[in-house]
N, C-alpha and C. Protein backbone atom coordinates (compact mmCIF):
# COMPACT_ATOMS: atom_id res chain seq x y z
N UNK A 1 79.91 6.33 41.44
CA UNK A 1 79.63 6.77 42.81
C UNK A 1 80.56 6.13 43.69
N UNK A 2 81.16 6.95 44.53
CA UNK A 2 82.07 6.42 45.44
C UNK A 2 81.31 5.68 46.55
N UNK A 3 82.13 4.80 47.22
CA UNK A 3 81.68 4.01 48.47
C UNK A 3 81.22 5.02 49.53
N UNK A 4 81.88 6.02 49.67
CA UNK A 4 81.41 7.08 50.74
C UNK A 4 80.27 7.71 50.39
N UNK A 5 79.99 8.15 49.09
CA UNK A 5 78.83 8.79 48.74
C UNK A 5 77.59 7.83 48.82
N UNK A 6 77.78 6.61 48.57
CA UNK A 6 76.74 5.79 48.73
C UNK A 6 76.28 5.52 50.11
N UNK A 7 77.32 5.54 50.98
CA UNK A 7 76.97 5.36 52.41
C UNK A 7 76.33 6.65 52.90
N UNK A 8 76.69 7.92 52.45
CA UNK A 8 75.96 8.92 52.93
C UNK A 8 74.61 8.96 52.32
N UNK A 9 74.39 8.53 51.04
CA UNK A 9 73.11 8.46 50.66
C UNK A 9 72.24 7.63 51.35
N UNK A 10 72.65 6.39 51.69
CA UNK A 10 71.83 5.43 52.64
C UNK A 10 71.65 6.07 53.99
N UNK A 11 72.58 6.84 54.55
CA UNK A 11 72.27 7.27 55.70
C UNK A 11 71.14 8.28 55.75
N UNK A 12 71.34 9.27 54.83
CA UNK A 12 70.07 10.27 54.58
C UNK A 12 68.78 9.71 54.40
N UNK A 13 68.83 8.61 53.50
CA UNK A 13 67.50 7.90 53.29
C UNK A 13 67.01 7.13 54.69
N UNK A 14 67.77 6.71 55.31
CA UNK A 14 67.52 6.04 56.59
C UNK A 14 67.06 7.04 57.47
N UNK A 15 67.65 8.20 57.65
CA UNK A 15 67.13 9.44 58.59
C UNK A 15 65.58 9.66 58.33
N UNK A 16 65.54 9.98 56.84
CA UNK A 16 64.27 10.28 56.23
C UNK A 16 63.26 9.37 56.75
N UNK A 17 63.56 8.06 56.44
CA UNK A 17 62.44 6.97 56.72
C UNK A 17 62.37 6.95 58.35
N UNK A 18 63.08 7.20 58.97
CA UNK A 18 62.96 7.44 60.60
C UNK A 18 61.89 8.44 60.94
N UNK A 19 62.29 9.50 60.22
CA UNK A 19 61.63 10.53 60.57
C UNK A 19 60.00 10.48 60.18
N UNK A 20 59.93 9.93 59.01
CA UNK A 20 58.45 9.85 58.49
C UNK A 20 57.80 8.66 59.27
N UNK A 21 58.43 7.62 59.65
CA UNK A 21 57.79 6.55 60.30
C UNK A 21 57.66 6.91 61.83
N UNK A 22 58.57 7.66 62.38
CA UNK A 22 58.40 8.07 63.77
C UNK A 22 57.23 9.03 63.85
N UNK A 23 56.95 9.82 62.86
CA UNK A 23 55.79 10.72 62.97
C UNK A 23 54.65 10.18 62.87
N UNK A 24 54.52 8.94 62.10
CA UNK A 24 53.22 8.05 61.99
C UNK A 24 53.03 7.35 63.33
N UNK A 25 54.02 6.97 63.69
CA UNK A 25 53.94 6.14 65.09
C UNK A 25 53.53 7.10 66.17
N UNK A 26 54.01 8.40 66.45
CA UNK A 26 53.55 9.35 67.42
C UNK A 26 52.00 9.59 67.11
N UNK A 27 51.52 9.82 66.03
CA UNK A 27 50.26 10.12 65.64
C UNK A 27 49.18 9.04 65.97
N UNK A 28 49.89 7.72 65.90
CA UNK A 28 49.01 6.42 66.25
C UNK A 28 48.77 6.47 67.71
N UNK A 29 49.93 6.76 68.31
CA UNK A 29 49.85 6.70 69.84
C UNK A 29 48.98 7.57 70.37
N UNK A 30 48.76 8.77 69.68
CA UNK A 30 47.91 10.00 70.22
C UNK A 30 46.37 9.70 69.85
N UNK A 31 46.24 8.91 68.93
CA UNK A 31 44.89 8.80 68.22
C UNK A 31 43.99 8.27 69.52
N UNK A 32 42.78 8.59 69.34
CA UNK A 32 41.80 8.00 70.33
C UNK A 32 40.48 7.60 69.59
N UNK A 33 40.00 6.55 70.24
CA UNK A 33 38.73 6.07 69.75
C UNK A 33 37.59 6.74 70.30
N UNK A 34 37.58 7.72 71.26
CA UNK A 34 36.43 8.45 71.67
C UNK A 34 36.03 9.36 70.61
N UNK A 35 34.56 9.42 70.65
CA UNK A 35 34.15 10.43 69.57
C UNK A 35 34.53 11.94 70.01
N UNK A 36 34.42 12.69 69.16
CA UNK A 36 35.01 14.17 69.24
C UNK A 36 33.71 14.92 69.25
N UNK A 37 33.53 15.97 69.86
CA UNK A 37 32.44 16.92 69.98
C UNK A 37 32.14 17.61 68.61
N UNK A 38 30.94 17.75 68.43
CA UNK A 38 30.53 18.26 67.04
C UNK A 38 30.88 19.86 66.94
N UNK A 39 31.18 20.20 65.92
CA UNK A 39 31.48 21.53 65.81
C UNK A 39 30.28 22.58 65.87
N UNK A 40 30.34 23.85 66.54
CA UNK A 40 29.19 24.47 66.62
C UNK A 40 28.80 24.88 65.03
N UNK A 41 27.46 25.12 65.07
CA UNK A 41 26.84 25.47 63.74
C UNK A 41 27.35 27.00 63.45
N UNK A 42 27.95 27.31 62.31
CA UNK A 42 28.47 28.46 61.79
C UNK A 42 27.24 29.53 62.07
N UNK A 43 27.77 30.64 62.39
CA UNK A 43 26.54 31.70 62.63
C UNK A 43 26.25 32.45 61.31
N UNK A 44 25.10 32.90 61.29
CA UNK A 44 24.72 33.67 60.11
C UNK A 44 25.39 34.99 60.05
N UNK A 45 25.24 35.42 58.77
CA UNK A 45 25.78 36.84 58.71
C UNK A 45 24.90 37.88 59.21
N UNK A 46 25.46 39.28 59.49
CA UNK A 46 24.41 40.28 60.04
C UNK A 46 23.33 40.56 58.94
N UNK A 47 23.56 40.58 57.67
CA UNK A 47 22.64 40.88 56.62
C UNK A 47 21.58 39.89 56.79
N UNK A 48 21.95 38.54 56.74
CA UNK A 48 20.98 37.49 56.75
C UNK A 48 20.22 37.51 58.07
N UNK A 49 20.84 37.96 59.19
CA UNK A 49 20.16 38.03 60.45
C UNK A 49 19.07 39.03 60.20
N UNK A 50 19.19 40.18 59.63
CA UNK A 50 18.32 41.35 59.31
C UNK A 50 17.02 40.58 58.64
N UNK A 51 17.41 40.09 57.52
CA UNK A 51 16.23 39.43 56.75
C UNK A 51 15.54 38.43 57.60
N UNK A 52 16.09 37.68 58.40
CA UNK A 52 15.61 36.64 59.14
C UNK A 52 14.49 37.27 60.21
N UNK A 53 15.06 38.49 60.57
CA UNK A 53 14.15 39.13 61.68
C UNK A 53 12.84 39.75 60.90
N UNK A 54 13.01 40.07 59.75
CA UNK A 54 11.78 40.49 58.99
C UNK A 54 10.85 39.32 58.58
N UNK A 55 11.62 38.10 58.45
CA UNK A 55 10.59 37.00 58.04
C UNK A 55 10.02 36.39 59.35
N UNK A 56 10.73 36.47 60.47
CA UNK A 56 10.06 36.17 61.70
C UNK A 56 8.92 37.22 62.15
N UNK A 57 9.00 38.36 61.93
CA UNK A 57 7.95 39.40 62.03
C UNK A 57 6.75 38.87 61.17
N UNK A 58 7.11 38.55 60.00
CA UNK A 58 5.83 38.62 58.94
C UNK A 58 5.10 37.22 59.41
N UNK A 59 6.01 36.13 59.68
CA UNK A 59 5.30 34.94 60.09
C UNK A 59 4.58 34.92 61.61
N UNK A 60 5.15 35.74 62.49
CA UNK A 60 4.68 35.91 63.74
C UNK A 60 3.17 36.47 63.55
N UNK A 61 3.15 37.44 62.69
CA UNK A 61 1.84 38.19 62.34
C UNK A 61 0.74 36.96 61.81
N UNK A 62 1.27 36.15 61.25
CA UNK A 62 0.50 35.03 60.70
C UNK A 62 0.17 33.76 61.64
N UNK A 63 0.87 34.00 62.74
CA UNK A 63 0.62 32.95 64.04
C UNK A 63 1.66 31.80 63.62
N UNK A 64 2.62 31.98 62.93
CA UNK A 64 3.70 30.93 62.75
C UNK A 64 5.00 31.32 63.38
N UNK A 65 5.88 30.29 63.77
CA UNK A 65 7.20 30.42 64.01
C UNK A 65 8.18 30.00 63.08
N UNK A 66 9.26 30.47 63.45
CA UNK A 66 10.65 30.30 62.43
C UNK A 66 11.70 29.70 63.29
N UNK A 67 12.33 28.68 62.90
CA UNK A 67 13.55 28.02 63.72
C UNK A 67 14.51 27.90 62.35
N UNK A 68 15.62 27.41 62.93
CA UNK A 68 16.56 26.96 62.11
C UNK A 68 16.36 25.62 61.66
N UNK A 69 16.73 25.34 60.33
CA UNK A 69 16.37 24.00 59.78
C UNK A 69 16.78 22.83 60.45
N UNK A 70 16.19 21.85 60.93
CA UNK A 70 16.43 20.76 61.68
C UNK A 70 17.05 19.63 60.85
N UNK A 71 16.81 19.53 59.58
CA UNK A 71 17.50 18.65 58.76
C UNK A 71 18.36 19.50 57.71
N UNK A 72 19.24 18.87 57.02
CA UNK A 72 20.12 19.34 55.80
C UNK A 72 18.98 19.59 54.78
N UNK A 73 19.11 20.82 54.28
CA UNK A 73 18.09 20.96 53.10
C UNK A 73 18.82 21.88 52.07
N UNK A 74 18.74 21.46 50.84
CA UNK A 74 19.42 22.15 49.55
C UNK A 74 18.29 22.22 48.60
N UNK A 75 17.72 23.37 48.11
CA UNK A 75 16.81 23.68 47.25
C UNK A 75 17.32 23.41 45.67
N UNK A 76 16.37 22.87 44.86
CA UNK A 76 16.86 23.15 43.48
C UNK A 76 17.21 24.51 43.18
N UNK A 77 18.31 24.62 42.47
CA UNK A 77 18.66 26.19 42.21
C UNK A 77 19.61 26.13 41.18
N UNK A 78 19.65 27.22 40.32
CA UNK A 78 20.84 27.25 39.26
C UNK A 78 22.06 27.09 39.70
N UNK A 79 22.96 26.72 39.01
CA UNK A 79 24.34 26.62 39.35
C UNK A 79 24.99 28.02 39.87
N UNK A 80 24.73 28.98 39.42
CA UNK A 80 25.29 30.50 39.78
C UNK A 80 24.91 30.57 41.44
N UNK A 81 24.00 30.03 41.90
CA UNK A 81 23.54 30.27 43.31
C UNK A 81 24.19 29.28 44.22
N UNK A 82 24.78 28.14 43.78
CA UNK A 82 25.19 27.03 44.69
C UNK A 82 26.25 27.43 45.59
N UNK A 83 27.09 28.54 45.04
CA UNK A 83 28.38 28.99 45.89
C UNK A 83 27.91 30.24 46.57
N UNK A 84 26.74 30.74 46.57
CA UNK A 84 26.22 31.91 47.36
C UNK A 84 25.92 31.59 48.74
N UNK A 85 26.43 32.48 49.75
CA UNK A 85 26.20 32.30 51.25
C UNK A 85 24.70 32.27 51.43
N UNK A 86 24.21 31.57 52.12
CA UNK A 86 22.72 31.30 52.59
C UNK A 86 22.42 30.74 53.82
N UNK A 87 21.28 30.92 54.34
CA UNK A 87 20.77 30.34 55.65
C UNK A 87 19.60 29.55 55.22
N UNK A 88 19.37 28.35 55.82
CA UNK A 88 18.04 27.67 55.75
C UNK A 88 17.36 27.67 56.93
N UNK A 89 16.14 28.28 56.97
CA UNK A 89 15.32 28.27 58.09
C UNK A 89 14.06 27.39 57.92
N UNK A 90 13.30 27.18 58.81
CA UNK A 90 12.11 26.26 58.71
C UNK A 90 10.81 26.94 59.44
N UNK A 91 9.81 27.12 58.82
CA UNK A 91 8.62 27.51 59.38
C UNK A 91 8.06 26.28 60.10
N UNK A 92 7.63 26.33 61.31
CA UNK A 92 7.01 25.19 62.18
C UNK A 92 5.85 24.87 61.65
N UNK A 93 5.67 23.60 60.96
CA UNK A 93 4.50 22.97 60.63
C UNK A 93 3.98 21.70 61.54
N UNK A 94 3.25 21.78 62.34
CA UNK A 94 3.22 20.56 63.19
C UNK A 94 2.60 19.35 62.46
N UNK A 95 1.71 19.50 61.35
CA UNK A 95 1.14 18.38 60.55
C UNK A 95 2.24 18.10 59.43
N UNK A 96 3.21 18.80 59.26
CA UNK A 96 4.21 18.51 58.10
C UNK A 96 5.50 18.89 58.65
N UNK A 97 6.27 18.32 59.43
CA UNK A 97 7.61 18.80 60.03
C UNK A 97 8.66 18.64 58.87
N UNK A 98 8.43 18.08 57.90
CA UNK A 98 9.58 17.95 56.84
C UNK A 98 9.48 18.83 55.79
N UNK A 99 8.74 19.85 55.73
CA UNK A 99 8.56 21.03 54.94
C UNK A 99 8.58 22.29 55.52
N UNK A 100 8.42 23.26 54.87
CA UNK A 100 8.29 24.64 55.43
C UNK A 100 9.60 25.39 55.44
N UNK A 101 10.55 24.68 54.52
CA UNK A 101 11.93 25.39 54.40
C UNK A 101 11.78 26.80 53.68
N UNK A 102 12.63 27.91 54.25
CA UNK A 102 12.80 29.06 53.54
C UNK A 102 14.33 29.31 53.53
N UNK A 103 14.87 29.62 52.28
CA UNK A 103 16.16 29.85 52.10
C UNK A 103 16.35 31.40 52.04
N UNK A 104 17.44 31.88 52.64
CA UNK A 104 17.79 33.34 52.35
C UNK A 104 19.12 33.26 51.86
N UNK A 105 19.34 33.84 50.59
CA UNK A 105 20.64 33.91 50.07
C UNK A 105 21.15 35.39 50.26
N UNK A 106 22.49 35.60 50.34
CA UNK A 106 23.07 36.97 50.50
C UNK A 106 23.87 37.09 49.23
N UNK A 107 23.62 38.15 48.58
CA UNK A 107 24.36 38.57 47.61
C UNK A 107 25.25 39.85 47.75
N UNK A 108 26.12 40.23 46.91
CA UNK A 108 27.03 41.41 47.11
C UNK A 108 26.54 42.71 47.18
N UNK A 109 25.41 42.79 46.42
CA UNK A 109 24.89 44.12 46.32
C UNK A 109 23.42 44.06 45.75
N UNK A 110 22.71 44.98 45.95
CA UNK A 110 21.14 44.97 45.39
C UNK A 110 21.05 44.50 43.88
N UNK A 111 21.92 45.14 43.14
CA UNK A 111 21.74 44.76 41.58
C UNK A 111 22.08 43.15 41.37
N UNK A 112 23.02 42.82 41.97
CA UNK A 112 23.52 41.37 42.00
C UNK A 112 22.35 40.47 42.51
N UNK A 113 21.70 40.97 43.46
CA UNK A 113 20.57 40.21 44.20
C UNK A 113 19.47 40.11 43.31
N UNK A 114 19.25 41.32 42.49
CA UNK A 114 18.02 41.30 41.51
C UNK A 114 18.39 40.38 40.18
N UNK A 115 19.69 40.56 39.76
CA UNK A 115 19.88 39.58 38.73
C UNK A 115 19.86 37.97 39.08
N UNK A 116 20.37 37.67 40.27
CA UNK A 116 20.21 36.22 40.88
C UNK A 116 18.88 36.02 40.88
N UNK A 117 18.05 36.88 41.56
CA UNK A 117 16.53 36.50 41.61
C UNK A 117 15.92 36.33 40.35
N UNK A 118 16.23 37.11 39.20
CA UNK A 118 15.49 36.66 37.94
C UNK A 118 16.00 35.57 37.53
N UNK A 119 17.46 35.07 37.74
CA UNK A 119 17.78 33.86 37.11
C UNK A 119 17.36 32.69 37.93
N UNK A 120 16.96 32.91 39.35
CA UNK A 120 16.37 31.89 40.02
C UNK A 120 15.00 31.62 39.64
N UNK A 121 14.31 32.64 39.34
CA UNK A 121 12.80 32.72 38.90
C UNK A 121 12.66 32.00 37.40
N UNK A 122 13.61 32.21 36.52
CA UNK A 122 13.67 31.56 35.25
C UNK A 122 13.90 30.15 35.50
N UNK A 123 14.65 29.79 36.32
CA UNK A 123 15.33 28.37 36.64
C UNK A 123 13.94 27.63 37.12
N UNK A 124 13.29 28.18 38.16
CA UNK A 124 12.05 27.66 38.80
C UNK A 124 10.80 27.32 37.83
N UNK A 125 10.95 28.22 36.61
CA UNK A 125 9.85 28.06 35.86
C UNK A 125 10.05 27.31 34.41
N UNK A 126 11.40 27.06 34.23
CA UNK A 126 11.52 26.30 32.93
C UNK A 126 12.47 25.28 33.17
N UNK A 127 12.31 24.24 32.06
CA UNK A 127 13.41 23.23 32.06
C UNK A 127 13.64 22.31 33.30
N UNK A 128 15.05 22.34 33.50
CA UNK A 128 15.37 21.24 34.68
C UNK A 128 14.83 21.70 36.06
N UNK A 129 14.70 23.04 36.22
CA UNK A 129 14.33 23.47 37.43
C UNK A 129 12.82 23.29 37.97
N UNK A 130 12.07 23.44 36.69
CA UNK A 130 10.66 23.16 36.91
C UNK A 130 10.49 21.53 37.07
N UNK A 131 11.17 20.76 36.62
CA UNK A 131 11.04 19.21 36.67
C UNK A 131 11.34 18.77 38.35
N UNK A 132 12.04 19.69 38.93
CA UNK A 132 12.18 19.41 40.61
C UNK A 132 11.11 19.33 41.39
N UNK A 133 9.88 20.07 40.89
CA UNK A 133 8.94 20.27 41.86
C UNK A 133 7.52 19.61 41.09
N UNK A 134 6.56 19.22 42.05
CA UNK A 134 5.32 18.85 41.63
C UNK A 134 4.76 19.83 40.57
N UNK A 135 3.79 19.44 39.73
CA UNK A 135 3.12 20.43 38.72
C UNK A 135 2.52 21.37 39.41
N UNK A 136 2.00 21.31 40.62
CA UNK A 136 1.25 22.40 41.27
C UNK A 136 2.06 23.30 42.10
N UNK A 137 3.36 23.33 42.09
CA UNK A 137 4.22 23.95 43.15
C UNK A 137 3.87 25.57 42.90
N UNK A 138 4.05 26.09 44.07
CA UNK A 138 3.87 27.54 44.26
C UNK A 138 5.24 28.09 44.63
N UNK A 139 5.88 29.12 44.12
CA UNK A 139 7.04 29.59 44.46
C UNK A 139 6.94 30.90 44.96
N UNK A 140 7.47 31.29 46.29
CA UNK A 140 7.50 32.82 46.59
C UNK A 140 9.01 33.24 46.56
N UNK A 141 9.26 34.16 45.69
CA UNK A 141 10.61 34.67 45.62
C UNK A 141 10.69 36.16 45.89
N UNK A 142 11.40 36.55 46.77
CA UNK A 142 11.35 38.11 47.24
C UNK A 142 12.81 38.61 47.35
N UNK A 143 12.92 39.72 47.08
CA UNK A 143 14.31 40.32 47.37
C UNK A 143 14.02 41.41 48.59
N UNK A 144 14.92 41.44 49.41
CA UNK A 144 15.08 42.33 50.29
C UNK A 144 16.43 42.99 50.50
N UNK A 145 16.68 44.11 49.98
CA UNK A 145 17.97 44.54 49.96
C UNK A 145 18.85 43.60 49.13
N UNK A 146 20.06 43.20 49.74
CA UNK A 146 21.00 42.28 49.25
C UNK A 146 20.69 40.82 49.41
N UNK A 147 19.50 40.65 49.79
CA UNK A 147 19.17 39.07 50.12
C UNK A 147 18.07 38.70 49.18
N UNK A 148 17.95 37.40 49.06
CA UNK A 148 16.72 36.70 48.19
C UNK A 148 16.12 35.75 49.33
N UNK A 149 14.85 35.74 49.28
CA UNK A 149 13.99 35.02 49.92
C UNK A 149 13.19 33.96 49.21
N UNK A 150 13.51 32.53 49.36
CA UNK A 150 12.89 31.70 48.55
C UNK A 150 11.96 30.59 49.17
N UNK A 151 10.87 30.38 48.90
CA UNK A 151 10.05 29.31 49.62
C UNK A 151 9.14 28.70 48.44
N UNK A 152 9.11 27.45 48.53
CA UNK A 152 8.30 26.60 47.45
C UNK A 152 7.51 25.57 48.18
N UNK A 153 6.21 25.44 47.54
CA UNK A 153 5.27 24.49 48.23
C UNK A 153 4.34 23.96 47.36
N UNK A 154 3.76 22.83 47.69
CA UNK A 154 2.81 22.25 46.64
C UNK A 154 1.42 22.11 47.51
N UNK A 155 0.35 22.65 47.04
CA UNK A 155 -0.90 22.53 47.82
C UNK A 155 -1.28 21.06 47.91
N UNK A 156 -1.13 20.35 46.83
CA UNK A 156 -1.65 19.01 46.81
C UNK A 156 -0.67 18.11 47.72
N UNK A 157 0.56 18.34 48.09
CA UNK A 157 1.35 17.54 48.87
C UNK A 157 1.51 18.14 50.25
N UNK A 158 0.78 19.16 50.65
CA UNK A 158 1.17 19.82 51.95
C UNK A 158 0.01 19.47 52.77
N UNK A 159 0.17 18.58 53.74
CA UNK A 159 -0.97 18.23 54.97
C UNK A 159 -1.13 19.35 55.73
N UNK A 160 -0.39 20.41 56.00
CA UNK A 160 -0.57 21.13 56.99
C UNK A 160 -1.31 22.50 56.50
N UNK A 161 -2.50 22.74 56.82
CA UNK A 161 -3.13 23.88 56.29
C UNK A 161 -2.50 25.24 56.58
N UNK A 162 -1.51 25.33 57.38
CA UNK A 162 -0.80 26.46 57.63
C UNK A 162 0.33 26.77 56.44
N UNK A 163 0.57 25.83 55.85
CA UNK A 163 1.58 26.02 54.74
C UNK A 163 1.35 27.07 53.82
N UNK A 164 -0.04 27.29 53.42
CA UNK A 164 -0.05 28.59 52.53
C UNK A 164 -0.19 29.88 53.45
N UNK A 165 -0.11 29.75 54.59
CA UNK A 165 0.25 31.03 55.49
C UNK A 165 1.53 31.49 55.47
N UNK A 166 2.57 30.59 55.13
CA UNK A 166 3.64 30.68 55.06
C UNK A 166 3.91 31.73 53.82
N UNK A 167 3.33 31.29 52.87
CA UNK A 167 3.49 32.07 51.56
C UNK A 167 2.77 33.37 51.63
N UNK A 168 1.63 33.50 51.99
CA UNK A 168 1.02 34.67 52.33
C UNK A 168 1.84 35.68 53.13
N UNK A 169 2.51 35.18 54.17
CA UNK A 169 3.20 35.99 55.10
C UNK A 169 4.56 36.45 54.47
N UNK A 170 5.13 35.71 53.57
CA UNK A 170 6.33 36.17 52.96
C UNK A 170 6.10 37.34 51.95
N UNK A 171 4.86 37.22 51.52
CA UNK A 171 4.54 38.25 50.64
C UNK A 171 4.60 39.74 51.08
N UNK A 172 4.63 39.90 52.35
CA UNK A 172 4.69 41.14 53.08
C UNK A 172 6.15 41.62 53.23
N UNK A 173 7.18 40.60 52.75
CA UNK A 173 8.65 40.90 53.17
C UNK A 173 9.37 41.28 51.64
N UNK A 174 9.87 42.44 51.62
CA UNK A 174 10.91 42.84 50.50
C UNK A 174 9.89 43.24 49.19
N UNK A 175 10.58 42.99 48.26
CA UNK A 175 9.73 43.22 46.77
C UNK A 175 9.77 41.85 46.18
N UNK A 176 8.62 41.60 45.31
CA UNK A 176 8.44 40.43 44.64
C UNK A 176 9.23 40.26 43.47
N UNK A 177 9.49 38.92 43.23
CA UNK A 177 10.22 38.56 41.88
C UNK A 177 9.23 37.46 41.21
N UNK A 178 8.82 37.91 40.19
CA UNK A 178 7.65 36.94 39.58
C UNK A 178 8.31 35.72 39.03
N UNK A 179 7.65 34.54 39.46
CA UNK A 179 8.05 33.14 38.82
C UNK A 179 7.10 32.86 37.89
N UNK A 180 7.43 32.96 36.64
CA UNK A 180 6.31 32.70 35.55
C UNK A 180 5.79 31.16 35.64
N UNK A 181 4.76 31.09 35.25
CA UNK A 181 3.98 29.57 35.28
C UNK A 181 4.10 29.11 33.99
């Protein structure tokens, strides 16, 4: 390698180092220690909104209210449902504010929803899924067009007497998917 080629190589490496470190320095000077605002919660799809409206109607008839879930909630579910769009709502239970979660899954079509519903029912009834719940757990699983509605509760560990009203109200929405015992 000639002396001139070596000098050109060093010059290019030096300029690259200057660009990289200069970029880092600029970012550091612009960094702020002030907290940033939280991002808004993503809106629900129109399909889930229609199902939510039916759930609200059913719960209202039972004297119950529905809100967006106040805490993060991820129900036990089979792996195939983990990537499915969903919304988590919560029926207001004054004596049990950490329960009452209702999950609405949105599938691409009614046939896919029916298949996913049967898979979820099987998961809840057998093996690993069953061990995720108390022995007396009751599951309400309904299909409304391309959505699935899921609610699980345990009579022995539900201090609010209105919990059973959630299950009863949801029985009026969509069509049932039986969860074997």
